[in-house]
Every structure is written in C-alpha cells, then in structure tokens.
C-alpha cells in the first residue's frame, strides 16, 4: 500500500506499507528519494546492491536508479521525493 501524505510541485511524501513476504515491483524515480523505515525490516535493492534496513534506518535512492523492496516482516516506510531543480 502506498499512500500520499503530502504533494506539491517541489516533492512528495508517501507512506509505504508492505506485508511480511510481500514485495514492491522494480521501479525507478526521476528524482532522488529519501527512504526512512519507521517499523519492521526489509531488503531494498538499489541498482543490484542489496541493503538490509530496519526501524530507524534511512537511505537515499538516487534518481534514475532501479530499486525494489521485499519485506522480511511487515514494514512501514516514509518516502520523501525531492524534485531538485524543478519549479
């Protein structure tokens, strides 16, 4: 489940919730994405490199990098998209 909490032309903040054993399909973003884990654990793969994330961890997904998420237990994340250089 992805729920947009805030959206403007300069960016977006979304809440992502993924159940244990579920995954989000591979995707890319035209802008950098700051991902913060607020509960649970997940495996985030960015451009072929796997990152184990748990509550309290954060990571930047670079613009145009392919990424996918697989949850090891129910996970909730806040994603902040920053549309730098865009007005």
PDB file of N, CA and C in Angstrom:
ATOM      1  N   UNK A   1       0.829  -1.154   0.000  1.00  0.00           N
ATOM      2  CA  UNK A   1       0.000   0.000   0.000  1.00  0.00           C
ATOM      3  C   UNK A   1       0.891   1.239   0.000  1.00  0.00           C
ATOM      4  N   UNK A   2       0.597   2.159  -0.880  1.00  0.00           N
ATOM      5  CA  UNK A   2       1.310   3.434  -0.930  1.00  0.00           C
ATOM      6  C   UNK A   2       0.276   4.540  -0.797  1.00  0.00           C
ATOM      7  N   UNK A   3       0.475   5.400   0.203  1.00  0.00           N
ATOM      8  CA  UNK A   3      -0.475   6.488   0.460  1.00  0.00           C
ATOM      9  C   UNK A   3       0.277   7.812   0.467  1.00  0.00           C
ATOM     10  N   UNK A   4      -0.135   8.728  -0.400  1.00  0.00           N
ATOM     11  CA  UNK A   4       0.493  10.038  -0.459  1.00  0.00           C
ATOM     12  C   UNK A   4      -0.024  10.892   0.698  1.00  0.00           C
ATOM     13  N   UNK A   5       0.903  11.391   1.509  1.00  0.00           N
ATOM     14  CA  UNK A   5       0.556  12.222   2.658  1.00  0.00           C
ATOM     15  C   UNK A   5       0.607  13.706   2.316  1.00  0.00           C
ATOM     16  N   UNK A   6       1.501  14.074   1.384  1.00  0.00           N
ATOM     17  CA  UNK A   6       1.714  15.473   1.020  1.00  0.00           C
ATOM     18  C   UNK A   6       2.264  15.524  -0.390  1.00  0.00           C
ATOM     19  N   UNK A   7       1.753  16.452  -1.202  1.00  0.00           N
ATOM     20  CA  UNK A   7       2.273  16.575  -2.564  1.00  0.00           C
ATOM     21  C   UNK A   7       2.219  18.020  -3.022  1.00  0.00           C
ATOM     22  N   UNK A   8       3.350  18.476  -3.578  1.00  0.00           N
ATOM     23  CA  UNK A   8       3.467  19.800  -4.189  1.00  0.00           C
ATOM     24  C   UNK A   8       4.335  19.632  -5.430  1.00  0.00           C
ATOM     25  N   UNK A   9       4.484  20.685  -6.193  1.00  0.00           N
ATOM     26  CA  UNK A   9       5.332  20.604  -7.388  1.00  0.00           C
ATOM     27  C   UNK A   9       6.793  20.350  -7.028  1.00  0.00           C
ATOM     28  N   UNK A  10       7.185  20.680  -5.794  1.00  0.00           N
ATOM     29  CA  UNK A  10       8.587  20.516  -5.376  1.00  0.00           C
ATOM     30  C   UNK A  10       8.884  19.151  -4.763  1.00  0.00           C
ATOM     31  N   UNK A  11       7.860  18.319  -4.564  1.00  0.00           N
ATOM     32  CA  UNK A  11       8.126  17.000  -4.000  1.00  0.00           C
ATOM     33  C   UNK A  11       6.885  16.321  -3.452  1.00  0.00           C
ATOM     34  N   UNK A  12       7.107  15.151  -2.846  1.00  0.00           N
ATOM     35  CA  UNK A  12       6.002  14.330  -2.339  1.00  0.00           C
ATOM     36  C   UNK A  12       6.494  13.538  -1.134  1.00  0.00           C
ATOM     37  N   UNK A  13       5.614  13.341  -0.152  1.00  0.00           N
ATOM     38  CA  UNK A  13       5.890  12.467   0.984  1.00  0.00           C
ATOM     39  C   UNK A  13       4.824  11.377   0.982  1.00  0.00           C
ATOM     40  N   UNK A  14       5.276  10.114   1.019  1.00  0.00           N
ATOM     41  CA  UNK A  14       4.346   8.983   0.969  1.00  0.00           C
ATOM     42  C   UNK A  14       4.634   7.993   2.077  1.00  0.00           C
ATOM     43  N   UNK A  15       3.597   7.317   2.531  1.00  0.00           N
ATOM     44  CA  UNK A  15       3.722   6.217   3.473  1.00  0.00           C
ATOM     45  C   UNK A  15       3.590   4.930   2.678  1.00  0.00           C
ATOM     46  N   UNK A  16       4.541   4.022   2.863  1.00  0.00           N
ATOM     47  CA  UNK A  16       4.518   2.723   2.188  1.00  0.00           C
ATOM     48  C   UNK A  16       4.410   1.649   3.259  1.00  0.00           C
ATOM     49  N   UNK A  17       3.483   0.724   3.067  1.00  0.00           N
ATOM     50  CA  UNK A  17       3.317  -0.398   3.985  1.00  0.00           C
ATOM     51  C   UNK A  17       3.307  -1.683   3.165  1.00  0.00           C
ATOM     52  N   UNK A  18       4.172  -2.633   3.549  1.00  0.00           N
ATOM     53  CA  UNK A  18       4.285  -3.897   2.818  1.00  0.00           C
ATOM     54  C   UNK A  18       4.207  -5.039   3.830  1.00  0.00           C
ATOM     55  N   UNK A  19       3.348  -6.002   3.576  1.00  0.00           N
ATOM     56  CA  UNK A  19       3.170  -7.142   4.472  1.00  0.00           C
ATOM     57  C   UNK A  19       4.363  -8.095   4.397  1.00  0.00           C
ATOM     58  N   UNK A  20       4.539  -8.897   5.435  1.00  0.00           N
ATOM     59  CA  UNK A  20       5.618  -9.882   5.509  1.00  0.00           C
ATOM     60  C   UNK A  20       5.621 -10.769   4.267  1.00  0.00           C
ATOM     61  N   UNK A  21       6.802 -10.902   3.658  1.00  0.00           N
ATOM     62  CA  UNK A  21       6.963 -11.760   2.490  1.00  0.00           C
ATOM     63  C   UNK A  21       6.496 -11.156   1.176  1.00  0.00           C
ATOM     64  N   UNK A  22       5.915  -9.975   1.210  1.00  0.00           N
ATOM     65  CA  UNK A  22       5.460  -9.304   0.001  1.00  0.00           C
ATOM     66  C   UNK A  22       6.587  -8.451  -0.581  1.00  0.00           C
ATOM     67  N   UNK A  23       6.368  -7.969  -1.811  1.00  0.00           N
ATOM     68  CA  UNK A  23       7.386  -7.147  -2.464  1.00  0.00           C
ATOM     69  C   UNK A  23       6.725  -6.072  -3.317  1.00  0.00           C
ATOM     70  N   UNK A  24       7.454  -4.993  -3.514  1.00  0.00           N
ATOM     71  CA  UNK A  24       7.055  -3.973  -4.482  1.00  0.00           C
ATOM     72  C   UNK A  24       7.889  -4.212  -5.732  1.00  0.00           C
ATOM     73  N   UNK A  25       7.270  -4.120  -6.885  1.00  0.00           N
ATOM     74  CA  UNK A  25       7.971  -4.389  -8.134  1.00  0.00           C
ATOM     75  C   UNK A  25       9.069  -3.364  -8.383  1.00  0.00           C
ATOM     76  N   UNK A  26      10.040  -3.767  -9.182  1.00  0.00           N
ATOM     77  CA  UNK A  26      11.152  -2.877  -9.516  1.00  0.00           C
ATOM     78  C   UNK A  26      10.626  -1.639 -10.224  1.00  0.00           C
ATOM     79  N   UNK A  27      11.207  -0.505  -9.867  1.00  0.00           N
ATOM     80  CA  UNK A  27      10.789   0.770 -10.452  1.00  0.00           C
ATOM     81  C   UNK A  27      11.955   1.744 -10.435  1.00  0.00           C
ATOM     82  N   UNK A  28      11.760   2.916 -11.024  1.00  0.00           N
ATOM     83  CA  UNK A  28      12.738   4.000 -10.968  1.00  0.00           C
ATOM     84  C   UNK A  28      11.990   5.296 -10.666  1.00  0.00           C
ATOM     85  N   UNK A  29      12.727   6.294 -10.226  1.00  0.00           N
ATOM     86  CA  UNK A  29      12.166   7.619  -9.986  1.00  0.00           C
ATOM     87  C   UNK A  29      13.043   8.622 -10.718  1.00  0.00           C
ATOM     88  N   UNK A  30      12.423   9.638 -11.257  1.00  0.00           N
ATOM     89  CA  UNK A  30      13.175  10.680 -11.953  1.00  0.00           C
ATOM     90  C   UNK A  30      13.937  11.579 -10.978  1.00  0.00           C
ATOM     91  N   UNK A  31      13.648  11.419  -9.674  1.00  0.00           N
ATOM     92  CA  UNK A  31      14.260  12.276  -8.650  1.00  0.00           C
ATOM     93  C   UNK A  31      14.812  11.424  -7.514  1.00  0.00           C
ATOM     94  N   UNK A  32      15.700  12.008  -6.704  1.00  0.00           N
ATOM     95  CA  UNK A  32      16.194  11.322  -5.514  1.00  0.00           C
ATOM     96  C   UNK A  32      15.033  11.035  -4.568  1.00  0.00           C
ATOM     97  N   UNK A  33      15.126   9.901  -3.862  1.00  0.00           N
ATOM     98  CA  UNK A  33      14.108   9.525  -2.877  1.00  0.00           C
ATOM     99  C   UNK A  33      14.811   9.225  -1.557  1.00  0.00           C
ATOM    100  N   UNK A  34      14.359   9.871  -0.483  1.00  0.00           N
ATOM    101  CA  UNK A  34      14.880   9.611   0.858  1.00  0.00           C
ATOM    102  C   UNK A  34      13.903   8.648   1.528  1.00  0.00           C
ATOM    103  N   UNK A  35      14.365   7.444   1.867  1.00  0.00           N
ATOM    104  CA  UNK A  35      13.520   6.407   2.459  1.00  0.00           C
ATOM    105  C   UNK A  35      13.876   6.221   3.924  1.00  0.00           C
ATOM    106  N   UNK A  36      12.867   6.260   4.803  1.00  0.00           N
ATOM    107  CA  UNK A  36      13.045   6.082   6.244  1.00  0.00           C
ATOM    108  C   UNK A  36      12.165   4.921   6.697  1.00  0.00           C
ATOM    109  N   UNK A  37      12.749   3.949   7.391  1.00  0.00           N
ATOM    110  CA  UNK A  37      11.975   2.822   7.925  1.00  0.00           C
ATOM    111  C   UNK A  37      11.443   3.224   9.294  1.00  0.00           C
ATOM    112  N   UNK A  38      10.105   3.179   9.458  1.00  0.00           N
ATOM    113  CA  UNK A  38       9.522   3.551  10.746  1.00  0.00           C
ATOM    114  C   UNK A  38       9.068   2.327  11.548  1.00  0.00           C
ATOM    115  N   UNK A  39       8.969   1.167  10.890  1.00  0.00           N
ATOM    116  CA  UNK A  39       8.723  -0.089  11.614  1.00  0.00           C
ATOM    117  C   UNK A  39       9.043  -1.259  10.707  1.00  0.00           C
ATOM    118  N   UNK A  40       9.472  -2.372  11.321  1.00  0.00           N
ATOM    119  CA  UNK A  40       9.741  -3.594  10.573  1.00  0.00           C
ATOM    120  C   UNK A  40      11.129  -3.649   9.956  1.00  0.00           C
ATOM    121  N   UNK A  41      11.283  -4.645   9.063  1.00  0.00           N
ATOM    122  CA  UNK A  41      12.549  -4.858   8.363  1.00  0.00           C
ATOM    123  C   UNK A  41      12.270  -5.177   6.903  1.00  0.00           C
ATOM    124  N   UNK A  42      13.200  -4.775   6.040  1.00  0.00           N
ATOM    125  CA  UNK A  42      13.039  -5.016   4.609  1.00  0.00           C
ATOM    126  C   UNK A  42      14.387  -5.096   3.927  1.00  0.00           C
ATOM    127  N   UNK A  43      14.372  -5.660   2.738  1.00  0.00           N
ATOM    128  CA  UNK A  43      15.548  -5.724   1.883  1.00  0.00           C
ATOM    129  C   UNK A  43      15.261  -4.805   0.699  1.00  0.00           C
ATOM    130  N   UNK A  44      16.027  -3.728   0.592  1.00  0.00           N
ATOM    131  CA  UNK A  44      15.873  -2.772  -0.502  1.00  0.00           C
ATOM    132  C   UNK A  44      17.045  -2.958  -1.450  1.00  0.00           C
ATOM    133  N   UNK A  45      16.750  -3.288  -2.689  1.00  0.00           N
ATOM    134  CA  UNK A  45      17.794  -3.461  -3.698  1.00  0.00           C
ATOM    135  C   UNK A  45      17.807  -2.227  -4.585  1.00  0.00           C
ATOM    136  N   UNK A  46      18.981  -1.583  -4.656  1.00  0.00           N
ATOM    137  CA  UNK A  46      19.164  -0.381  -5.472  1.00  0.00           C
ATOM    138  C   UNK A  46      20.249  -0.679  -6.494  1.00  0.00           C
ATOM    139  N   UNK A  47      19.886  -0.627  -7.766  1.00  0.00           N
ATOM    140  CA  UNK A  47      20.836  -0.893  -8.861  1.00  0.00           C
ATOM    141  C   UNK A  47      21.639  -2.174  -8.623  1.00  0.00           C
ATOM    142  N   UNK A  48      20.957  -3.223  -8.162  1.00  0.00           N
ATOM    143  CA  UNK A  48      21.583  -4.521  -7.981  1.00  0.00           C
ATOM    144  C   UNK A  48      22.284  -4.736  -6.648  1.00  0.00           C
ATOM    145  N   UNK A  49      22.371  -3.697  -5.805  1.00  0.00           N
ATOM    146  CA  UNK A  49      23.008  -3.820  -4.492  1.00  0.00           C
ATOM    147  C   UNK A  49      21.939  -3.899  -3.409  1.00  0.00           C
ATOM    148  N   UNK A  50      22.006  -4.962  -2.597  1.00  0.00           N
ATOM    149  CA  UNK A  50      21.016  -5.190  -1.549  1.00  0.00           C
ATOM    150  C   UNK A  50      21.383  -4.450  -0.266  1.00  0.00           C
ATOM    151  N   UNK A  51      20.367  -3.852   0.368  1.00  0.00           N
ATOM    152  CA  UNK A  51      20.542  -3.129   1.628  1.00  0.00           C
ATOM    153  C   UNK A  51      19.502  -3.651   2.616  1.00  0.00           C
ATOM    154  N   UNK A  52      19.959  -4.209   3.747  1.00  0.00           N
ATOM    155  CA  UNK A  52      19.060  -4.661   4.805  1.00  0.00           C
ATOM    156  C   UNK A  52      18.721  -3.451   5.667  1.00  0.00           C
ATOM    157  N   UNK A  53      17.448  -3.134   5.756  1.00  0.00           N
ATOM    158  CA  UNK A  53      17.012  -1.974   6.514  1.00  0.00           C
ATOM    159  C   UNK A  53      16.070  -2.395   7.622  1.00  0.00           C
ATOM    160  N   UNK A  54      16.159  -1.725   8.772  1.00  0.00           N
ATOM    161  CA  UNK A  54      15.254  -1.979   9.884  1.00  0.00           C
ATOM    162  C   UNK A  54      14.834  -0.644  10.489  1.00  0.00           C
ATOM    163  N   UNK A  55      13.911  -0.701  11.435  1.00  0.00           N
ATOM    164  CA  UNK A  55      13.390   0.506  12.074  1.00  0.00           C
ATOM    165  C   UNK A  55      14.531   1.446  12.461  1.00  0.00           C
ATOM    166  N   UNK A  56      14.379   2.710  12.052  1.00  0.00           N
ATOM    167  CA  UNK A  56      15.377   3.726  12.364  1.00  0.00           C
ATOM    168  C   UNK A  56      16.402   3.962  11.263  1.00  0.00           C
ATOM    169  N   UNK A  57      16.493   3.033  10.298  1.00  0.00           N
ATOM    170  CA  UNK A  57      17.437   3.198   9.194  1.00  0.00           C
ATOM    171  C   UNK A  57      16.850   4.099   8.114  1.00  0.00           C
ATOM    172  N   UNK A  58      17.742   4.754   7.373  1.00  0.00           N
ATOM    173  CA  UNK A  58      17.323   5.554   6.221  1.00  0.00           C
ATOM    174  C   UNK A  58      18.369   5.411   5.129  1.00  0.00           C
ATOM    175  N   UNK A  59      17.953   5.717   3.903  1.00  0.00           N
ATOM    176  CA  UNK A  59      18.837   5.586   2.749  1.00  0.00           C
ATOM    177  C   UNK A  59      18.323   6.502   1.643  1.00  0.00           C
ATOM    178  N   UNK A  60      19.227   6.968   0.804  1.00  0.00           N
ATOM    179  CA  UNK A  60      18.837   7.760  -0.363  1.00  0.00           C
ATOM    180  C   UNK A  60      18.887   6.854  -1.591  1.00  0.00           C
ATOM    181  N   UNK A  61      17.797   6.837  -2.335  1.00  0.00           N
ATOM    182  CA  UNK A  61      17.738   6.132  -3.614  1.00  0.00           C
ATOM    183  C   UNK A  61      18.002   7.186  -4.687  1.00  0.00           C
ATOM    184  N   UNK A  62      19.130   7.078  -5.389  1.00  0.00           N
ATOM    185  CA  UNK A  62      19.462   8.106  -6.385  1.00  0.00           C
ATOM    186  C   UNK A  62      18.456   8.144  -7.541  1.00  0.00           C
ATOM    187  N   UNK A  63      18.304   9.324  -8.107  1.00  0.00           N
ATOM    188  CA  UNK A  63      17.443   9.484  -9.279  1.00  0.00           C
ATOM    189  C   UNK A  63      17.849   8.499 -10.367  1.00  0.00           C
ATOM    190  N   UNK A  64      16.871   7.913 -11.030  1.00  0.00           N
ATOM    191  CA  UNK A  64      17.025   7.002 -12.165  1.00  0.00           C
ATOM    192  C   UNK A  64      17.614   5.639 -11.800  1.00  0.00           C
ATOM    193  N   UNK A  65      17.810   5.360 -10.506  1.00  0.00           N
ATOM    194  CA  UNK A  65      18.328   4.053 -10.086  1.00  0.00           C
ATOM    195  C   UNK A  65      17.158   3.074  -9.960  1.00  0.00           C
ATOM    196  N   UNK A  66      17.314   1.887 -10.529  1.00  0.00           N
ATOM    197  CA  UNK A  66      16.260   0.881 -10.365  1.00  0.00           C
ATOM    198  C   UNK A  66      16.288   0.413  -8.910  1.00  0.00           C
ATOM    199  N   UNK A  67      15.106   0.174  -8.355  1.00  0.00           N
ATOM    200  CA  UNK A  67      15.023  -0.281  -6.967  1.00  0.00           C
ATOM    201  C   UNK A  67      13.763  -1.116  -6.759  1.00  0.00           C
ATOM    202  N   UNK A  68      13.866  -2.050  -5.819  1.00  0.00           N
ATOM    203  CA  UNK A  68      12.711  -2.861  -5.438  1.00  0.00           C
ATOM    204  C   UNK A  68      12.816  -3.171  -3.953  1.00  0.00           C
ATOM    205  N   UNK A  69      11.691  -3.489  -3.341  1.00  0.00           N
ATOM    206  CA  UNK A  69      11.613  -3.714  -1.900  1.00  0.00           C
ATOM    207  C   UNK A  69      10.957  -5.050  -1.624  1.00  0.00           C
ATOM    208  N   UNK A  70      11.566  -5.848  -0.743  1.00  0.00           N
ATOM    209  CA  UNK A  70      10.981  -7.104  -0.281  1.00  0.00           C
ATOM    210  C   UNK A  70      10.988  -7.062   1.240  1.00  0.00           C
ATOM    211  N   UNK A  71       9.822  -7.313   1.839  1.00  0.00           N
ATOM    212  CA  UNK A  71       9.737  -7.230   3.299  1.00  0.00           C
ATOM    213  C   UNK A  71      10.051  -8.574   3.948  1.00  0.00           C
ATOM    214  N   UNK A  72      10.824  -8.530   5.018  1.00  0.00           N
ATOM    215  CA  UNK A  72      11.137  -9.722   5.798  1.00  0.00           C
ATOM    216  C   UNK A  72      10.124  -9.885   6.916  1.00  0.00           C
ATOM    217  N   UNK A  73       9.499  -8.792   7.291  1.00  0.00           N
ATOM    218  CA  UNK A  73       8.369  -8.750   8.209  1.00  0.00           C
ATOM    219  C   UNK A  73       7.586  -7.518   7.796  1.00  0.00           C
ATOM    220  N   UNK A  74       6.388  -7.327   8.332  1.00  0.00           N
ATOM    221  CA  UNK A  74       5.622  -6.153   7.925  1.00  0.00           C
ATOM    222  C   UNK A  74       6.483  -4.907   8.120  1.00  0.00           C
ATOM    223  N   UNK A  75       6.545  -4.078   7.095  1.00  0.00           N
ATOM    224  CA  UNK A  75       7.402  -2.890   7.139  1.00  0.00           C
ATOM    225  C   UNK A  75       6.596  -1.658   6.745  1.00  0.00           C
ATOM    226  N   UNK A  76       6.909  -0.548   7.405  1.00  0.00           N
ATOM    227  CA  UNK A  76       6.340   0.752   7.052  1.00  0.00           C
ATOM    228  C   UNK A  76       7.499   1.710   6.839  1.00  0.00           C
ATOM    229  N   UNK A  77       7.407   2.475   5.758  1.00  0.00           N
ATOM    230  CA  UNK A  77       8.457   3.424   5.411  1.00  0.00           C
ATOM    231  C   UNK A  77       7.828   4.746   5.001  1.00  0.00           C
ATOM    232  N   UNK A  78       8.571   5.816   5.231  1.00  0.00           N
ATOM    233  CA  UNK A  78       8.188   7.119   4.697  1.00  0.00           C
ATOM    234  C   UNK A  78       9.167   7.440   3.575  1.00  0.00           C
ATOM    235  N   UNK A  79       8.610   7.747   2.399  1.00  0.00           N
ATOM    236  CA  UNK A  79       9.422   8.094   1.237  1.00  0.00           C
ATOM    237  C   UNK A  79       9.240   9.579   0.935  1.00  0.00           C
ATOM    238  N   UNK A  80      10.344  10.286   0.823  1.00  0.00           N
ATOM    239  CA  UNK A  80      10.317  11.709   0.505  1.00  0.00           C
ATOM    240  C   UNK A  80      11.006  11.908  -0.838  1.00  0.00           C
ATOM    241  N   UNK A  81      10.249  12.381  -1.811  1.00  0.00           N
ATOM    242  CA  UNK A  81      10.781  12.655  -3.152  1.00  0.00           C
ATOM    243  C   UNK A  81      11.081  14.151  -3.228  1.00  0.00           C
ATOM    244  N   UNK A  82      12.326  14.485  -3.524  1.00  0.00           N
ATOM    245  CA  UNK A  82      12.740  15.872  -3.639  1.00  0.00           C
ATOM    246  C   UNK A  82      12.986  16.207  -5.103  1.00  0.00           C
ATOM    247  N   UNK A  83      12.162  17.060  -5.649  1.00  0.00           N
ATOM    248  CA  UNK A  83      12.286  17.420  -7.063  1.00  0.00           C
ATOM    249  C   UNK A  83      13.219  18.612  -7.199  1.00  0.00           C
ATOM    250  N   UNK A  84      14.512  18.377  -6.930  1.00  0.00           N
ATOM    251  CA  UNK A  84      15.503  19.441  -7.004  1.00  0.00           C
ATOM    252  C   UNK A  84      15.652  19.905  -8.451  1.00  0.00           C
ATOM    253  N   UNK A  85      15.829  21.195  -8.600  1.00  0.00           N
ATOM    254  CA  UNK A  85      15.988  21.763  -9.938  1.00  0.00           C
ATOM    255  C   UNK A  85      14.692  21.836 -10.713  1.00  0.00           C
ATOM    256  N   UNK A  86      13.577  21.592 -10.013  1.00  0.00           N
ATOM    257  CA  UNK A  86      12.263  21.604 -10.674  1.00  0.00           C
ATOM    258  C   UNK A  86      11.412  22.673 -10.010  1.00  0.00           C
ATOM    259  N   UNK A  87      10.804  23.508 -10.783  1.00  0.00           N
ATOM    260  CA  UNK A  87       9.939  24.556 -10.205  1.00  0.00           C
ATOM    261  C   UNK A  87       8.663  24.635 -10.980  1.00  0.00           C
TER     262      UNK A  87
END
